[in-house]
C-alpha atoms as a PDB file:
ATOM      1  CA  MET A   1      81.456  97.059  79.749  1.00  0.00           C
ATOM      2  CA  LEU A   2      82.822 100.501  79.062  1.00  0.00           C
ATOM      3  CA  GLY A   3      86.419  99.172  78.957  1.00  0.00           C
ATOM      4  CA  ALA A   4      85.400  96.568  76.354  1.00  0.00           C
ATOM      5  CA  ASN A   5      83.749  99.229  74.214  1.00  0.00           C
ATOM      6  CA  ASP A   6      86.756 101.489  74.559  1.00  0.00           C
ATOM      7  CA  GLY A   7      89.090  98.647  73.514  1.00  0.00           C
ATOM      8  CA  ILE A   8      86.979  97.754  70.471  1.00  0.00           C
ATOM      9  CA  LEU A   9      86.658 101.371  69.424  1.00  0.00           C
ATOM     10  CA  SER A  10      90.340 102.245  69.827  1.00  0.00           C
ATOM     11  CA  THR A  11      91.581  99.088  68.075  1.00  0.00           C
ATOM     12  CA  SER A  12      89.118  99.450  65.177  1.00  0.00           C
ATOM     13  CA  SER A  13      90.060 103.111  64.826  1.00  0.00           C
ATOM     14  CA  LEU A  14      93.751 102.193  64.690  1.00  0.00           C
ATOM     15  CA  VAL A  15      93.100  99.494  62.059  1.00  0.00           C
ATOM     16  CA  LEU A  16      90.924 101.863  59.962  1.00  0.00           C
ATOM     17  CA  GLY A  17      93.556 104.621  60.173  1.00  0.00           C
ATOM     18  CA  VAL A  18      96.368 102.281  59.081  1.00  0.00           C
ATOM     19  CA  ALA A  19      94.160 100.872  56.280  1.00  0.00           C
ATOM     20  CA  ALA A  20      93.239 104.382  55.087  1.00  0.00           C
ATOM     21  CA  SER A  21      96.923 105.183  54.718  1.00  0.00           C
ATOM     22  CA  GLY A  22      97.208 102.565  52.005  1.00  0.00           C
ATOM     23  CA  ALA A  23      99.364 100.189  54.054  1.00  0.00           C
ATOM     24  CA  SER A  24      99.689  96.509  53.168  1.00  0.00           C
ATOM     25  CA  ARG A  25      97.482  93.826  54.645  1.00  0.00           C
ATOM     26  CA  SER A  26     100.303  92.578  56.862  1.00  0.00           C
ATOM     27  CA  ALA A  27     100.897  96.090  58.260  1.00  0.00           C
ATOM     28  CA  ILE A  28      97.177  96.468  59.035  1.00  0.00           C
ATOM     29  CA  VAL A  29      97.123  93.121  60.825  1.00  0.00           C
ATOM     30  CA  THR A  30     100.292  93.984  62.706  1.00  0.00           C
ATOM     31  CA  ALA A  31      98.924  97.324  63.780  1.00  0.00           C
ATOM     32  CA  GLY A  32      95.643  95.690  64.907  1.00  0.00           C
ATOM     33  CA  ILE A  33      97.433  93.030  66.994  1.00  0.00           C
ATOM     34  CA  ALA A  34      99.762  95.678  68.471  1.00  0.00           C
ATOM     35  CA  GLY A  35      96.749  97.799  69.434  1.00  0.00           C
ATOM     36  CA  LEU A  36      95.048  94.796  71.041  1.00  0.00           C
ATOM     37  CA  VAL A  37      98.097  93.884  73.087  1.00  0.00           C
ATOM     38  CA  ALA A  38      98.724  97.493  74.138  1.00  0.00           C
ATOM     39  CA  GLY A  39      95.109  97.933  75.145  1.00  0.00           C
ATOM     40  CA  ALA A  40      95.084  94.688  77.197  1.00  0.00           C
ATOM     41  CA  GLY A  41      98.285  95.698  78.922  1.00  0.00           C
ATOM     42  CA  SER A  42      96.925  99.116  79.721  1.00  0.00           C
ATOM     43  CA  MET A  43      93.668  97.684  81.132  1.00  0.00           C
ATOM     44  CA  ALA A  44      95.571  95.155  83.223  1.00  0.00           C
ATOM     45  CA  ALA A  45      97.883  97.815  84.673  1.00  0.00           C
ATOM     46  CA  GLY A  46      94.993 100.111  85.437  1.00  0.00           C
ATOM     47  CA  GLU A  47      93.118  97.391  87.229  1.00  0.00           C
ATOM     48  CA  TYR A  48      96.183  96.402  89.261  1.00  0.00           C
ATOM     49  CA  VAL A  49      96.738  99.975  90.357  1.00  0.00           C
ATOM     50  CA  SER A  50      93.069 100.343  91.242  1.00  0.00           C
ATOM     51  CA  VAL A  51      92.913  97.198  93.385  1.00  0.00           C
ATOM     52  CA  SER A  52      96.262  97.968  95.001  1.00  0.00           C
ATOM     53  CA  SER A  53      95.146 101.454  96.047  1.00  0.00           C
ATOM     54  CA  GLN A  54      91.785 100.084  97.299  1.00  0.00           C
ATOM     55  CA  ARG A  55      93.637  97.434  99.335  1.00  0.00           C
ATOM     56  CA  GLY A  56      95.905 100.113 100.797  1.00  0.00           C
ATOM     57  CA  THR A  57      92.994 102.308 101.726  1.00  0.00           C
ATOM     58  CA  GLU A  58      91.183  99.441 103.380  1.00  0.00           C
ATOM     59  CA  ALA A  59      94.287  98.412 105.322  1.00  0.00           C
ATOM     60  CA  ALA A  60      94.720 102.019 106.562  1.00  0.00           C
ATOM     61  CA  ASP A  61      91.048 102.164 107.666  1.00  0.00           C
ATOM     62  CA  LEU A  62      91.401  98.865 109.524  1.00  0.00           C
ATOM     63  CA  ARG A  63      94.577  99.999 111.267  1.00  0.00           C
ATOM     64  CA  LEU A  64      92.823 103.221 112.320  1.00  0.00           C
ATOM     65  CA  GLU A  65      89.845 101.283 113.591  1.00  0.00           C
ATOM     66  CA  ALA A  66      92.057  98.846 115.460  1.00  0.00           C
ATOM     67  CA  GLY A  67      93.736 101.797 117.151  1.00  0.00           C
ATOM     68  CA  GLU A  68      90.333 103.200 118.177  1.00  0.00           C
ATOM     69  CA  LEU A  69      89.379  99.830 119.551  1.00  0.00           C
ATOM     70  CA  ALA A  70      92.587  99.681 121.595  1.00  0.00           C
ATOM     71  CA  ALA A  71      92.213 103.290 122.814  1.00  0.00           C
ATOM     72  CA  ASP A  72      88.523 103.111 123.836  1.00  0.00           C
ATOM     73  CA  PRO A  73      87.301  99.462 124.058  1.00  0.00           C
ATOM     74  CA  ALA A  74      84.347 100.454 126.208  1.00  0.00           C
ATOM     75  CA  GLY A  75      83.072 103.228 123.918  1.00  0.00           C
ATOM     76  CA  GLU A  76      83.196 101.288 120.624  1.00  0.00           C
ATOM     77  CA  PRO A  77      80.174  99.063 121.376  1.00  0.00           C
ATOM     78  CA  THR A  78      78.150 102.289 121.987  1.00  0.00           C
ATOM     79  CA  GLU A  79      79.170 103.372 118.478  1.00  0.00           C
ATOM     80  CA  LEU A  80      77.900 100.073 117.037  1.00  0.00           C
ATOM     81  CA  THR A  81      74.710 100.435 119.038  1.00  0.00           C
ATOM     82  CA  GLY A  82      74.066 103.792 117.386  1.00  0.00           C
ATOM     83  CA  ILE A  83      74.642 102.269 113.948  1.00  0.00           C
ATOM     84  CA  TYR A  84      72.142  99.501 114.619  1.00  0.00           C
ATOM     85  CA  GLU A  85      69.625 101.946 116.019  1.00  0.00           C
ATOM     86  CA  GLY A  86      70.020 103.963 112.806  1.00  0.00           C
ATOM     87  CA  ARG A  87      69.115 100.841 110.889  1.00  0.00           C
ATOM     88  CA  GLY A  88      65.863 100.486 112.782  1.00  0.00           C
ATOM     89  CA  LEU A  89      66.589  98.406 115.877  1.00  0.00           C
ATOM     90  CA  ARG A  90      65.363  99.573 119.282  1.00  0.00           C
ATOM     91  CA  ARG A  91      67.963 100.543 121.862  1.00  0.00           C
ATOM     92  CA  GLU A  92      68.084  97.298 123.889  1.00  0.00           C
ATOM     93  CA  PRO A  93      68.353  94.843 120.970  1.00  0.00           C
ATOM     94  CA  ALA A  94      70.876  97.087 119.266  1.00  0.00           C
ATOM     95  CA  ALA A  95      72.999  97.100 122.444  1.00  0.00           C
ATOM     96  CA  GLU A  96      72.757  93.323 122.701  1.00  0.00           C
ATOM     97  CA  VAL A  97      73.803  92.850 119.068  1.00  0.00           C
ATOM     98  CA  ALA A  98      76.702  95.293 119.472  1.00  0.00           C
ATOM     99  CA  ALA A  99      77.883  93.507 122.674  1.00  0.00           C
ATOM    100  CA  ALA A 100      77.709  90.066 121.074  1.00  0.00           C
ATOM    101  CA  LEU A 101      79.515  91.125 117.909  1.00  0.00           C
ATOM    102  CA  THR A 102      82.134  93.012 119.884  1.00  0.00           C
ATOM    103  CA  ALA A 103      82.769  90.006 122.108  1.00  0.00           C
ATOM    104  CA  ASN A 104      83.157  87.746 119.093  1.00  0.00           C
ATOM    105  CA  ASP A 105      85.399  89.937 116.846  1.00  0.00           C
ATOM    106  CA  ALA A 106      85.240  93.676 117.406  1.00  0.00           C
ATOM    107  CA  LEU A 107      87.398  94.671 114.478  1.00  0.00           C
ATOM    108  CA  ALA A 108      85.354  92.570 112.017  1.00  0.00           C
ATOM    109  CA  ALA A 109      82.086  94.017 113.343  1.00  0.00           C
ATOM    110  CA  HIS A 110      83.380  97.604 113.001  1.00  0.00           C
ATOM    111  CA  ALA A 111      84.873  96.917 109.603  1.00  0.00           C
ATOM    112  CA  ARG A 112      81.591  95.513 108.334  1.00  0.00           C
ATOM    113  CA  ASP A 113      79.102  97.891 110.020  1.00  0.00           C
ATOM    114  CA  GLU A 114      80.966 101.129 110.585  1.00  0.00           C
ATOM    115  CA  LEU A 115      83.425 101.162 107.646  1.00  0.00           C
ATOM    116  CA  GLY A 116      81.263  99.181 105.160  1.00  0.00           C
ATOM    117  CA  LEU A 117      84.071  96.640 104.535  1.00  0.00           C
ATOM    118  CA  PRO A 118      82.535  93.171 104.781  1.00  0.00           C
ATOM    119  CA  GLU A 119      85.096  90.366 104.605  1.00  0.00           C
ATOM    120  CA  ASP A 120      83.833  88.924 101.328  1.00  0.00           C
ATOM    121  CA  ARG A 121      83.980  92.281  99.534  1.00  0.00           C
ATOM    122  CA  ARG A 122      87.516  93.424 100.457  1.00  0.00           C
ATOM    123  CA  ALA A 123      90.206  93.837  97.817  1.00  0.00           C
ATOM    124  CA  ARG A 124      92.545  90.883  97.881  1.00  0.00           C
ATOM    125  CA  ARG A 125      95.763  89.927  96.181  1.00  0.00           C
ATOM    126  CA  ALA A 126      95.243  87.486  93.349  1.00  0.00           C
ATOM    127  CA  ARG A 127      96.415  84.053  94.265  1.00  0.00           C
ATOM    128  CA  ARG A 128      97.806  81.452  91.950  1.00  0.00           C
ATOM    129  CA  PRO A 129      95.448  78.650  91.015  1.00  0.00           C
ATOM    130  CA  GLY A 130      95.980  75.578  93.118  1.00  0.00           C
ATOM    131  CA  ARG A 131      97.354  77.491  96.124  1.00  0.00           C
ATOM    132  CA  PRO A 132      95.294  77.051  99.250  1.00  0.00           C
ATOM    133  CA  ARG A 133      93.915  80.122 100.952  1.00  0.00           C
ATOM    134  CA  ARG A 134      95.605  81.167 104.141  1.00  0.00           C
ATOM    135  CA  ARG A 135      93.229  80.802 107.059  1.00  0.00           C
ATOM    136  CA  ARG A 136      92.971  83.496 109.646  1.00  0.00           C
ATOM    137  CA  PRO A 137      93.971  82.212 113.084  1.00  0.00           C
ATOM    138  CA  ARG A 138      91.104  81.527 115.463  1.00  0.00           C
ATOM    139  CA  ALA A 139      90.436  83.701 118.435  1.00  0.00           C
ATOM    140  CA  PRO A 140      91.256  82.310 121.864  1.00  0.00           C
ATOM    141  CA  GLY A 141      88.451  80.147 123.186  1.00  0.00           C
ATOM    142  CA  PRO A 142      86.433  80.446 126.401  1.00  0.00           C
ATOM    143  CA  GLN A 143      88.907  78.230 128.283  1.00  0.00           C
ATOM    144  CA  GLN A 144      91.422  81.021 127.965  1.00  0.00           C
ATOM    145  CA  GLY A 145      90.991  84.142 130.039  1.00  0.00           C
ATOM    146  CA  VAL A 146      89.024  87.248 129.207  1.00  0.00           C
ATOM    147  CA  GLU A 147      92.291  89.175 128.977  1.00  0.00           C
ATOM    148  CA  ASP A 148      93.547  86.846 126.253  1.00  0.00           C
ATOM    149  CA  ARG A 149      90.414  87.388 124.167  1.00  0.00           C
ATOM    150  CA  ARG A 150      90.474  91.171 124.763  1.00  0.00           C
ATOM    151  CA  ALA A 151      94.138  91.357 123.749  1.00  0.00           C
ATOM    152  CA  TRP A 152      93.328  89.292 120.661  1.00  0.00           C
ATOM    153  CA  ARG A 153      90.539  91.683 119.583  1.00  0.00           C
ATOM    154  CA  CYS A 154      92.648  94.772 120.211  1.00  0.00           C
ATOM    155  CA  ARG A 155      95.388  93.394 117.924  1.00  0.00           C
ATOM    156  CA  GLY A 156      92.763  92.986 115.215  1.00  0.00           C
ATOM    157  CA  GLY A 157      92.747  89.165 115.348  1.00  0.00           C
ATOM    158  CA  ARG A 158      96.486  88.767 114.792  1.00  0.00           C
ATOM    159  CA  PRO A 159      98.521  86.379 116.956  1.00  0.00           C
END
């Protein structure tokens, strides 16, 4: 909302300033349109930079967390247990939830609960309309060994 107010105020101020100078009607309209286009370009560039830097920060946090999971896979569920206890669960249920979420997708659980980066709220690149979303590869199933699933989680769910 503040951006819209800023755009309205700056464009109207530009038009009023040009009109006060005694310029022709076409010069006033040209200045107003130029102000609108410049303001829109500025807002778009600012939003792009903001989302790009947020995406970079999130990616760095996820890489760091994936490294922690690889370095100490046994200690990370304890960290999640403490988080769930802080949210009001007793020790045993918190440990069960942490173990279940770690077994399913440890990086996603830590991203959501430790880093505060739920999947649906992460910064994403804009995609062109009509292009299908890329699906994340599925984790190895129970028919594959425990080592396959553990290696999958340590890589952050990447094949």
